[in-house]
Amino acid sequence: MNAIELLRTRIVFSENAFTELVLWRVPEPVRGSTHDFKYRLAYVVNQVCVVRYDNEAGKGDHRHFGQTEQSYTFQGVEKLIADFQRDIARWNYENRNP
């Protein structure tokens, strides 16, 4: 079985801010992860990715918030998207972006 793309979307909030969400179901976990999803969720403001959740091979599940990178405990797709949305709201509040 090959990877199956489950989601690929871009949501534009303003001329300066958008999110891009990409999610695949993979036949076996990405190196460093324990689940069968590969994902990349990014929030970009003024051409800079300020919030990102991904599970790059070898690094496993992790999140970026500004310049900070930390491990992320994957607990399902719905929780992943909710956590991502929470971090976008936090970023916007702390930085007064769109």
Protein backbone atom coordinates (compact mmCIF):
# COMPACT_ATOMS: atom_id res chain seq x y z
CA MET A 1 0.00 0.00 0.00
CA ASN A 2 1.25 3.46 -0.89
CA ALA A 3 0.66 6.63 1.11
CA ILE A 4 -2.88 7.96 0.73
CA GLU A 5 -3.41 11.70 0.80
CA LEU A 6 -6.29 12.46 3.16
CA LEU A 7 -6.13 16.25 3.26
CA ARG A 8 -4.46 19.06 1.36
CA THR A 9 -5.85 22.53 1.86
CA ARG A 10 -4.81 26.14 2.16
CA ILE A 11 -6.92 28.58 4.15
CA VAL A 12 -6.24 32.26 3.51
CA PHE A 13 -7.01 34.56 6.44
CA SER A 14 -5.71 37.80 4.93
CA GLU A 15 -3.25 38.97 2.32
CA ASN A 16 -0.51 38.33 4.90
CA ALA A 17 -1.59 35.11 6.64
CA PHE A 18 -2.61 31.59 5.65
CA THR A 19 -2.52 28.00 6.87
CA GLU A 20 -1.60 24.94 4.88
CA LEU A 21 -2.65 21.50 6.10
CA VAL A 22 -1.38 18.28 4.51
CA LEU A 23 -2.11 14.82 5.89
CA TRP A 24 -1.38 11.33 4.55
CA ARG A 25 -2.09 7.83 5.84
CA VAL A 26 1.13 5.85 5.41
CA PRO A 27 1.57 2.06 5.26
CA GLU A 28 3.96 2.13 8.24
CA PRO A 29 4.93 4.80 10.77
CA VAL A 30 7.34 7.51 9.68
CA ARG A 31 10.72 6.95 11.37
CA GLY A 32 10.42 8.49 14.85
CA SER A 33 6.60 8.23 15.03
CA THR A 34 4.35 5.41 16.25
CA HIS A 35 1.20 6.01 14.16
CA ASP A 36 0.24 5.64 10.50
CA PHE A 37 -0.02 9.34 9.61
CA LYS A 38 2.41 11.73 7.97
CA TYR A 39 1.47 15.40 8.38
CA ARG A 40 2.54 19.00 7.92
CA LEU A 41 0.41 21.84 9.30
CA ALA A 42 1.82 25.33 8.87
CA TYR A 43 0.69 28.85 9.73
CA VAL A 44 2.48 31.50 7.69
CA VAL A 45 2.41 35.23 8.48
CA ASN A 46 4.24 37.80 6.36
CA GLN A 47 5.95 34.97 4.45
CA VAL A 48 7.36 33.43 7.66
CA CYS A 49 6.20 30.09 9.06
CA VAL A 50 5.42 30.97 12.68
CA VAL A 51 3.57 27.79 13.78
CA ARG A 52 4.19 24.33 12.36
CA TYR A 53 3.33 20.78 13.39
CA ASP A 54 5.00 17.94 11.49
CA ASN A 55 6.58 14.52 11.81
CA GLU A 56 9.64 14.71 9.66
CA ALA A 57 11.37 11.35 9.26
CA GLY A 58 13.92 10.86 12.01
CA LYS A 59 12.59 13.70 14.18
CA GLY A 60 9.19 12.22 14.90
CA ASP A 61 6.22 14.27 16.02
CA HIS A 62 7.13 17.83 16.94
CA ARG A 63 5.86 21.41 16.82
CA HIS A 64 7.41 24.77 16.10
CA PHE A 65 6.13 27.95 17.75
CA GLY A 66 8.14 30.93 16.60
CA GLN A 67 11.79 29.98 17.06
CA THR A 68 11.00 27.21 19.57
CA GLU A 69 10.83 23.54 18.58
CA GLN A 70 9.60 20.88 20.95
CA SER A 71 8.41 17.29 20.91
CA TYR A 72 4.69 16.74 20.35
CA THR A 73 2.63 13.81 21.62
CA PHE A 74 0.35 12.73 18.77
CA GLN A 75 -3.07 11.70 20.12
CA GLY A 76 -5.06 11.54 16.90
CA VAL A 77 -5.87 13.76 13.93
CA GLU A 78 -8.69 15.70 15.63
CA LYS A 79 -6.46 16.57 18.60
CA LEU A 80 -3.61 17.51 16.25
CA ILE A 81 -5.80 19.99 14.38
CA ALA A 82 -7.27 21.37 17.63
CA ASP A 83 -3.78 21.91 19.09
CA PHE A 84 -2.66 23.59 15.87
CA GLN A 85 -5.69 25.92 15.93
CA ARG A 86 -5.02 26.72 19.60
CA ASP A 87 -1.42 27.67 18.77
CA ILE A 88 -2.56 29.89 15.89
CA ALA A 89 -4.92 31.73 18.26
CA ARG A 90 -2.12 32.04 20.82
CA TRP A 91 0.30 33.37 18.18
CA ASN A 92 -2.24 35.92 16.96
CA TYR A 93 -3.01 37.04 20.52
CA GLU A 94 0.63 37.34 21.54
CA ASN A 95 1.71 39.01 18.29
CA ARG A 96 -1.50 40.86 17.36
CA ASN A 97 -1.51 39.37 13.85
CA PRO A 98 -4.62 38.83 11.65
